[in-house]
Every structure is written in C-alpha cells, then in structure tokens.
C-alpha cells in the first residue's frame, strides 16, 4: 500500500524526465482544465456547458481526493496535521472552488447559485501544477511575496492620497470618492481612459505626476519578479549540473 501511495503521489506531481505515466496524467489534467474553461466563453448555459461541468467535476474530484490521500508525501511528514495543512493550502482551496460550479446543476437555481458559475475561472490556476515553467513562476512569486506585498501597500497608499487630493481640488468632477479612487488607479497605471479628466491646472499637474509615479511603480514589481526568476533559473541549472 505504501508503494502504491508513493507512486500515486509521483504521478500526481509535475512529471519528471522519463515518467510517462505522470506526463500522461499532466496532459489529461491540462486538457480537462482547458475544456472546463469553455463555458466561460459561452454567453448562455446549455446542455453542453452542463455536460462539461459534470465531466470536469468528476476528474477534478478524483484528483482532489487523490491529492488529499497523498498529502503526507506532499507535506513531508506523516501525521493527521499533514492532511489538514494540505486541505487548507491555497492550491487545495482553489481545487475545491473550481468544483463548486457543479452546485449550479444539482441544486435549485437562484441568484446566489448563479455566482458559482464564475468559479470556473479558478480552474485556470490549476495549470500551475502541470507545467514546470508555471511551477517555477509560482515558486518565484512565493519567494518575493513579502516584497510584492510591500509594493502593493505603497501603491494603495499613493492611490488613496492622490484620490483625496484630486477629490478636494475638483469636487465637481466626481460623484463620489470611489470615482476619485477609480481615477487615481487609472492614472497610476498610465492607462488613462479619459472618461474623467481634471480641468484645473493643479489637477492636471497631479495627473501628470501620478502617471510618472505609475511608470516607476509598475517597473518596481517587474524588476523584483525578474531578478527572482533569473535567480531561480540559475539555482535549477546549477542543481542539474551537480
């Protein structure tokens, strides 16, 4: 049983060189994820979207149960805490959320259940497991999450301050403070839809300054991620050379 469990774990994880069974499983799951996203491209529900949801639910449920079954190998220790820790892990929660659209089929339809159809979008995150490149990117984001969190806090603070300033300088331009937040966010990301445009000189100066700051802010997380990604690639390359 232990050998079967270990082999199940090896098949479930991203395939290694020469493991045809694991590679075939990765391909199956990747195809299932892609098929499971098709209903999001359809305007209305139909017999086909129902069949897709049922098919993907069965595959995802088997995968979810199997991953819980081998959680002790995944977490690195054999204890009930390993299973609990895995169930509460981000990827396991995403696995669970990606199966929730089945409730729209088996339960009486109401406005709340319609929202569960949107949980199909979580299925695309499952692709992280079945691509080595995506695994590397996920590892990189995990390593720099604190730095990215600090940048996010800085961005939020700047957006709020900018919104407060423009809201006081040009109150007639906004219906609510949320509109000012929207303007500040659009300005700092340098998108500039043009639907809200300051008319005073000071307001335009703040807009230009926000755009300039936005270019620097956008470049900051890009640099952090790029540096961490190159470091991860070098680490893996040196590991293989050894």
Foldseek 3Di string as FASTA:
>chain_A
DVVVLVVLVQLLFADDPPPPSSLVVLVVLVVLLVLLCVVVVDPDDDPSNLVSLVVSLVVLVVSLVSCLSNQCVVQVHDDPVSSVVVCPDPVNVLSVLCNLLNCCVPDDDDPVSVVSSVSSVSSVVVNLRHDPVSVLLVVLCVVCVVVVVVLVVVLVVQLLVLLVVLCVVCVVQDPDSVVSSVLLVCLLCVVCPPPGDDDDPVNVVSSVVSNVNSVVSVVVVVVSSVVSSVVSVVVVVVVVVD
